[in-house]
């Protein structure tokens, strides 16, 4: 099961809610480093609440950091 979750996270097809609802986490918005910190904090909060898996959190974190 974990292997499937990791493959799904690596595919980059993570979407939350309606289209555009996850844009603050999943796509760069050009808001600079402060925006990246806020996006990382939201991703961590989602992970801590069990809303996303470890692999999904890692993929989101990598995507956000790569926008810096």
PDB file of N, CA and C in Angstrom:
ATOM      1  N   UNK A   1       0.828  -1.184   0.000  1.00  0.00           N
ATOM      2  CA  UNK A   1       0.000   0.000   0.000  1.00  0.00           C
ATOM      3  C   UNK A   1       0.877   1.254   0.000  1.00  0.00           C
ATOM      4  N   UNK A   2       1.899   1.281   0.845  1.00  0.00           N
ATOM      5  CA  UNK A   2       2.764   2.447   0.924  1.00  0.00           C
ATOM      6  C   UNK A   2       3.457   2.704  -0.410  1.00  0.00           C
ATOM      7  N   UNK A   3       3.889   1.630  -1.068  1.00  0.00           N
ATOM      8  CA  UNK A   3       4.549   1.774  -2.363  1.00  0.00           C
ATOM      9  C   UNK A   3       3.622   2.452  -3.374  1.00  0.00           C
ATOM     10  N   UNK A   4       2.353   2.081  -3.376  1.00  0.00           N
ATOM     11  CA  UNK A   4       1.384   2.710  -4.276  1.00  0.00           C
ATOM     12  C   UNK A   4       1.205   4.186  -3.941  1.00  0.00           C
ATOM     13  N   UNK A   5       1.149   4.518  -2.650  1.00  0.00           N
ATOM     14  CA  UNK A   5       1.017   5.913  -2.235  1.00  0.00           C
ATOM     15  C   UNK A   5       2.225   6.732  -2.678  1.00  0.00           C
ATOM     16  N   UNK A   6       3.415   6.157  -2.542  1.00  0.00           N
ATOM     17  CA  UNK A   6       4.620   6.871  -2.949  1.00  0.00           C
ATOM     18  C   UNK A   6       4.660   7.077  -4.456  1.00  0.00           C
ATOM     19  N   UNK A   7       4.254   6.075  -5.220  1.00  0.00           N
ATOM     20  CA  UNK A   7       4.205   6.225  -6.676  1.00  0.00           C
ATOM     21  C   UNK A   7       3.189   7.292  -7.090  1.00  0.00           C
ATOM     22  N   UNK A   8       2.047   7.307  -6.398  1.00  0.00           N
ATOM     23  CA  UNK A   8       1.023   8.305  -6.702  1.00  0.00           C
ATOM     24  C   UNK A   8       1.539   9.704  -6.386  1.00  0.00           C
ATOM     25  N   UNK A   9       2.249   9.855  -5.285  1.00  0.00           N
ATOM     26  CA  UNK A   9       2.788  11.159  -4.916  1.00  0.00           C
ATOM     27  C   UNK A   9       3.866  11.609  -5.898  1.00  0.00           C
ATOM     28  N   UNK A  10       4.685  10.675  -6.362  1.00  0.00           N
ATOM     29  CA  UNK A  10       5.742  11.014  -7.318  1.00  0.00           C
ATOM     30  C   UNK A  10       5.187  11.435  -8.667  1.00  0.00           C
ATOM     31  N   UNK A  11       3.981  10.988  -8.978  1.00  0.00           N
ATOM     32  CA  UNK A  11       3.410  11.305 -10.288  1.00  0.00           C
ATOM     33  C   UNK A  11       3.059  12.782 -10.420  1.00  0.00           C
ATOM     34  N   UNK A  12       2.930  13.470  -9.287  1.00  0.00           N
ATOM     35  CA  UNK A  12       2.637  14.897  -9.332  1.00  0.00           C
ATOM     36  C   UNK A  12       1.176  15.212  -9.537  1.00  0.00           C
ATOM     37  N   UNK A  13       0.313  14.242  -9.499  1.00  0.00           N
ATOM     38  CA  UNK A  13      -1.107  14.457  -9.739  1.00  0.00           C
ATOM     39  C   UNK A  13      -1.898  14.710  -8.475  1.00  0.00           C
ATOM     40  N   UNK A  14      -1.340  15.432  -7.535  1.00  0.00           N
ATOM     41  CA  UNK A  14      -2.015  15.683  -6.274  1.00  0.00           C
ATOM     42  C   UNK A  14      -2.922  16.897  -6.417  1.00  0.00           C
ATOM     43  N   UNK A  15      -4.210  16.709  -6.112  1.00  0.00           N
ATOM     44  CA  UNK A  15      -5.169  17.811  -6.125  1.00  0.00           C
ATOM     45  C   UNK A  15      -6.007  17.727  -4.872  1.00  0.00           C
ATOM     46  N   UNK A  16      -6.287  18.872  -4.282  1.00  0.00           N
ATOM     47  CA  UNK A  16      -7.096  18.932  -3.071  1.00  0.00           C
ATOM     48  C   UNK A  16      -8.339  19.749  -3.359  1.00  0.00           C
ATOM     49  N   UNK A  17      -9.510  19.164  -3.133  1.00  0.00           N
ATOM     50  CA  UNK A  17     -10.756  19.894  -3.304  1.00  0.00           C
ATOM     51  C   UNK A  17     -11.037  20.252  -4.741  1.00  0.00           C
ATOM     52  N   UNK A  18     -11.741  21.353  -4.928  1.00  0.00           N
ATOM     53  CA  UNK A  18     -12.108  21.819  -6.260  1.00  0.00           C
ATOM     54  C   UNK A  18     -10.893  22.376  -6.986  1.00  0.00           C
ATOM     55  N   UNK A  19     -10.954  22.453  -8.308  1.00  0.00           N
ATOM     56  CA  UNK A  19      -9.840  23.031  -9.062  1.00  0.00           C
ATOM     57  C   UNK A  19      -9.499  24.417  -8.542  1.00  0.00           C
ATOM     58  N   UNK A  20      -8.215  24.617  -8.290  1.00  0.00           N
ATOM     59  CA  UNK A  20      -7.763  25.900  -7.771  1.00  0.00           C
ATOM     60  C   UNK A  20      -7.730  25.952  -6.257  1.00  0.00           C
ATOM     61  N   UNK A  21      -8.411  25.040  -5.586  1.00  0.00           N
ATOM     62  CA  UNK A  21      -8.453  25.067  -4.128  1.00  0.00           C
ATOM     63  C   UNK A  21      -7.096  24.736  -3.525  1.00  0.00           C
ATOM     64  N   UNK A  22      -6.319  23.880  -4.160  1.00  0.00           N
ATOM     65  CA  UNK A  22      -5.012  23.512  -3.642  1.00  0.00           C
ATOM     66  C   UNK A  22      -3.880  24.307  -4.247  1.00  0.00           C
ATOM     67  N   UNK A  23      -4.197  25.335  -4.995  1.00  0.00           N
ATOM     68  CA  UNK A  23      -3.163  26.099  -5.685  1.00  0.00           C
ATOM     69  C   UNK A  23      -2.160  26.707  -4.731  1.00  0.00           C
ATOM     70  N   UNK A  24      -2.587  27.047  -3.526  1.00  0.00           N
ATOM     71  CA  UNK A  24      -1.668  27.629  -2.557  1.00  0.00           C
ATOM     72  C   UNK A  24      -0.595  26.656  -2.127  1.00  0.00           C
ATOM     73  N   UNK A  25      -0.861  25.377  -2.206  1.00  0.00           N
ATOM     74  CA  UNK A  25       0.123  24.379  -1.829  1.00  0.00           C
ATOM     75  C   UNK A  25       0.871  23.823  -3.025  1.00  0.00           C
ATOM     76  N   UNK A  26       0.151  23.551  -4.078  1.00  0.00           N
ATOM     77  CA  UNK A  26       0.724  22.762  -5.158  1.00  0.00           C
ATOM     78  C   UNK A  26       1.401  23.566  -6.254  1.00  0.00           C
ATOM     79  N   UNK A  27       1.078  24.830  -6.405  1.00  0.00           N
ATOM     80  CA  UNK A  27       1.661  25.569  -7.513  1.00  0.00           C
ATOM     81  C   UNK A  27       2.320  26.841  -7.031  1.00  0.00           C
ATOM     82  N   UNK A  28       3.430  27.209  -7.678  1.00  0.00           N
ATOM     83  CA  UNK A  28       4.100  28.437  -7.285  1.00  0.00           C
ATOM     84  C   UNK A  28       3.255  29.648  -7.646  1.00  0.00           C
ATOM     85  N   UNK A  29       3.194  30.618  -6.733  1.00  0.00           N
ATOM     86  CA  UNK A  29       2.381  31.798  -7.001  1.00  0.00           C
ATOM     87  C   UNK A  29       3.222  33.045  -7.127  1.00  0.00           C
ATOM     88  N   UNK A  30       4.555  32.900  -7.053  1.00  0.00           N
ATOM     89  CA  UNK A  30       5.421  34.051  -7.227  1.00  0.00           C
ATOM     90  C   UNK A  30       5.414  34.985  -6.035  1.00  0.00           C
ATOM     91  N   UNK A  31       4.951  34.541  -4.875  1.00  0.00           N
ATOM     92  CA  UNK A  31       4.855  35.391  -3.706  1.00  0.00           C
ATOM     93  C   UNK A  31       6.138  35.493  -2.911  1.00  0.00           C
ATOM     94  N   UNK A  32       7.197  34.836  -3.325  1.00  0.00           N
ATOM     95  CA  UNK A  32       8.474  34.928  -2.638  1.00  0.00           C
ATOM     96  C   UNK A  32       8.621  33.921  -1.523  1.00  0.00           C
ATOM     97  N   UNK A  33       9.648  34.175  -0.712  1.00  0.00           N
ATOM     98  CA  UNK A  33       9.999  33.235   0.347  1.00  0.00           C
ATOM     99  C   UNK A  33       8.936  33.174   1.441  1.00  0.00           C
ATOM    100  N   UNK A  34       8.310  34.311   1.780  1.00  0.00           N
ATOM    101  CA  UNK A  34       7.266  34.306   2.806  1.00  0.00           C
ATOM    102  C   UNK A  34       6.109  33.414   2.393  1.00  0.00           C
ATOM    103  N   UNK A  35       5.746  33.476   1.106  1.00  0.00           N
ATOM    104  CA  UNK A  35       4.672  32.636   0.593  1.00  0.00           C
ATOM    105  C   UNK A  35       5.064  31.162   0.683  1.00  0.00           C
ATOM    106  N   UNK A  36       6.309  30.850   0.369  1.00  0.00           N
ATOM    107  CA  UNK A  36       6.780  29.468   0.433  1.00  0.00           C
ATOM    108  C   UNK A  36       6.715  28.946   1.868  1.00  0.00           C
ATOM    109  N   UNK A  37       7.070  29.778   2.827  1.00  0.00           N
ATOM    110  CA  UNK A  37       7.018  29.374   4.232  1.00  0.00           C
ATOM    111  C   UNK A  37       5.572  29.092   4.636  1.00  0.00           C
ATOM    112  N   UNK A  38       4.660  29.952   4.224  1.00  0.00           N
ATOM    113  CA  UNK A  38       3.241  29.747   4.546  1.00  0.00           C
ATOM    114  C   UNK A  38       2.729  28.463   3.907  1.00  0.00           C
ATOM    115  N   UNK A  39       3.127  28.198   2.677  1.00  0.00           N
ATOM    116  CA  UNK A  39       2.695  26.977   1.986  1.00  0.00           C
ATOM    117  C   UNK A  39       3.262  25.742   2.667  1.00  0.00           C
ATOM    118  N   UNK A  40       4.527  25.808   3.107  1.00  0.00           N
ATOM    119  CA  UNK A  40       5.120  24.684   3.832  1.00  0.00           C
ATOM    120  C   UNK A  40       4.394  24.443   5.154  1.00  0.00           C
ATOM    121  N   UNK A  41       4.036  25.522   5.847  1.00  0.00           N
ATOM    122  CA  UNK A  41       3.316  25.385   7.111  1.00  0.00           C
ATOM    123  C   UNK A  41       1.946  24.747   6.900  1.00  0.00           C
ATOM    124  N   UNK A  42       1.253  25.129   5.832  1.00  0.00           N
ATOM    125  CA  UNK A  42      -0.056  24.529   5.546  1.00  0.00           C
ATOM    126  C   UNK A  42       0.097  23.049   5.198  1.00  0.00           C
ATOM    127  N   UNK A  43       1.123  22.718   4.423  1.00  0.00           N
ATOM    128  CA  UNK A  43       1.356  21.317   4.065  1.00  0.00           C
ATOM    129  C   UNK A  43       1.655  20.487   5.311  1.00  0.00           C
ATOM    130  N   UNK A  44       2.469  21.029   6.213  1.00  0.00           N
ATOM    131  CA  UNK A  44       2.816  20.326   7.449  1.00  0.00           C
ATOM    132  C   UNK A  44       1.576  20.138   8.321  1.00  0.00           C
ATOM    133  N   UNK A  45       0.725  21.159   8.384  1.00  0.00           N
ATOM    134  CA  UNK A  45      -0.503  21.044   9.175  1.00  0.00           C
ATOM    135  C   UNK A  45      -1.404  19.955   8.602  1.00  0.00           C
ATOM    136  N   UNK A  46      -1.495  19.883   7.292  1.00  0.00           N
ATOM    137  CA  UNK A  46      -2.309  18.841   6.656  1.00  0.00           C
ATOM    138  C   UNK A  46      -1.738  17.458   6.968  1.00  0.00           C
ATOM    139  N   UNK A  47      -0.411  17.336   6.928  1.00  0.00           N
ATOM    140  CA  UNK A  47       0.235  16.063   7.245  1.00  0.00           C
ATOM    141  C   UNK A  47      -0.019  15.677   8.706  1.00  0.00           C
ATOM    142  N   UNK A  48       0.144  16.650   9.616  1.00  0.00           N
ATOM    143  CA  UNK A  48      -0.058  16.387  11.040  1.00  0.00           C
ATOM    144  C   UNK A  48      -1.489  15.953  11.344  1.00  0.00           C
ATOM    145  N   UNK A  49      -2.462  16.461  10.586  1.00  0.00           N
ATOM    146  CA  UNK A  49      -3.864  16.100  10.790  1.00  0.00           C
ATOM    147  C   UNK A  49      -4.229  14.793  10.095  1.00  0.00           C
ATOM    148  N   UNK A  50      -3.281  14.200   9.362  1.00  0.00           N
ATOM    149  CA  UNK A  50      -3.537  12.935   8.692  1.00  0.00           C
ATOM    150  C   UNK A  50      -4.301  13.080   7.386  1.00  0.00           C
ATOM    151  N   UNK A  51      -4.349  14.304   6.853  1.00  0.00           N
ATOM    152  CA  UNK A  51      -5.074  14.535   5.606  1.00  0.00           C
ATOM    153  C   UNK A  51      -4.284  14.091   4.381  1.00  0.00           C
ATOM    154  N   UNK A  52      -2.960  14.073   4.507  1.00  0.00           N
ATOM    155  CA  UNK A  52      -2.100  13.621   3.415  1.00  0.00           C
ATOM    156  C   UNK A  52      -1.081  12.640   3.976  1.00  0.00           C
ATOM    157  N   UNK A  53      -0.588  11.770   3.114  1.00  0.00           N
ATOM    158  CA  UNK A  53       0.376  10.755   3.539  1.00  0.00           C
ATOM    159  C   UNK A  53       1.779  11.343   3.619  1.00  0.00           C
ATOM    160  N   UNK A  54       2.692  10.566   4.173  1.00  0.00           N
ATOM    161  CA  UNK A  54       4.087  10.961   4.271  1.00  0.00           C
ATOM    162  C   UNK A  54       4.670  11.230   2.882  1.00  0.00           C
ATOM    163  N   UNK A  55       4.346  10.373   1.933  1.00  0.00           N
ATOM    164  CA  UNK A  55       4.857  10.535   0.571  1.00  0.00           C
ATOM    165  C   UNK A  55       4.284  11.792  -0.078  1.00  0.00           C
ATOM    166  N   UNK A  56       3.012  12.055   0.147  1.00  0.00           N
ATOM    167  CA  UNK A  56       2.396  13.264  -0.417  1.00  0.00           C
ATOM    168  C   UNK A  56       3.010  14.518   0.192  1.00  0.00           C
ATOM    169  N   UNK A  57       3.243  14.488   1.507  1.00  0.00           N
ATOM    170  CA  UNK A  57       3.876  15.623   2.181  1.00  0.00           C
ATOM    171  C   UNK A  57       5.283  15.857   1.625  1.00  0.00           C
ATOM    172  N   UNK A  58       6.027  14.776   1.441  1.00  0.00           N
ATOM    173  CA  UNK A  58       7.381  14.901   0.887  1.00  0.00           C
ATOM    174  C   UNK A  58       7.364  15.483  -0.517  1.00  0.00           C
ATOM    175  N   UNK A  59       6.408  15.045  -1.331  1.00  0.00           N
ATOM    176  CA  UNK A  59       6.304  15.567  -2.696  1.00  0.00           C
ATOM    177  C   UNK A  59       5.930  17.046  -2.692  1.00  0.00           C
ATOM    178  N   UNK A  60       4.987  17.426  -1.838  1.00  0.00           N
ATOM    179  CA  UNK A  60       4.599  18.834  -1.736  1.00  0.00           C
ATOM    180  C   UNK A  60       5.758  19.687  -1.261  1.00  0.00           C
ATOM    181  N   UNK A  61       6.460  19.209  -0.243  1.00  0.00           N
ATOM    182  CA  UNK A  61       7.587  19.955   0.314  1.00  0.00           C
ATOM    183  C   UNK A  61       8.670  20.153  -0.749  1.00  0.00           C
ATOM    184  N   UNK A  62       8.973  19.108  -1.483  1.00  0.00           N
ATOM    185  CA  UNK A  62       9.990  19.223  -2.536  1.00  0.00           C
ATOM    186  C   UNK A  62       9.560  20.203  -3.609  1.00  0.00           C
ATOM    187  N   UNK A  63       8.288  20.162  -3.991  1.00  0.00           N
ATOM    188  CA  UNK A  63       7.783  21.060  -5.027  1.00  0.00           C
ATOM    189  C   UNK A  63       7.852  22.519  -4.560  1.00  0.00           C
ATOM    190  N   UNK A  64       7.499  22.759  -3.302  1.00  0.00           N
ATOM    191  CA  UNK A  64       7.528  24.125  -2.770  1.00  0.00           C
ATOM    192  C   UNK A  64       8.960  24.632  -2.677  1.00  0.00           C
ATOM    193  N   UNK A  65       9.863  23.795  -2.167  1.00  0.00           N
ATOM    194  CA  UNK A  65      11.259  24.199  -2.031  1.00  0.00           C
ATOM    195  C   UNK A  65      11.896  24.453  -3.389  1.00  0.00           C
ATOM    196  N   UNK A  66      11.518  23.684  -4.386  1.00  0.00           N
ATOM    197  CA  UNK A  66      12.079  23.881  -5.726  1.00  0.00           C
ATOM    198  C   UNK A  66      11.658  25.206  -6.354  1.00  0.00           C
ATOM    199  N   UNK A  67      10.617  25.849  -5.831  1.00  0.00           N
ATOM    200  CA  UNK A  67      10.190  27.126  -6.384  1.00  0.00           C
ATOM    201  C   UNK A  67      11.014  28.292  -5.841  1.00  0.00           C
ATOM    202  N   UNK A  68      11.845  28.032  -4.829  1.00  0.00           N
ATOM    203  CA  UNK A  68      12.663  29.115  -4.238  1.00  0.00           C
ATOM    204  C   UNK A  68      13.831  29.457  -5.115  1.00  0.00           C
TER     205      UNK A  68
END
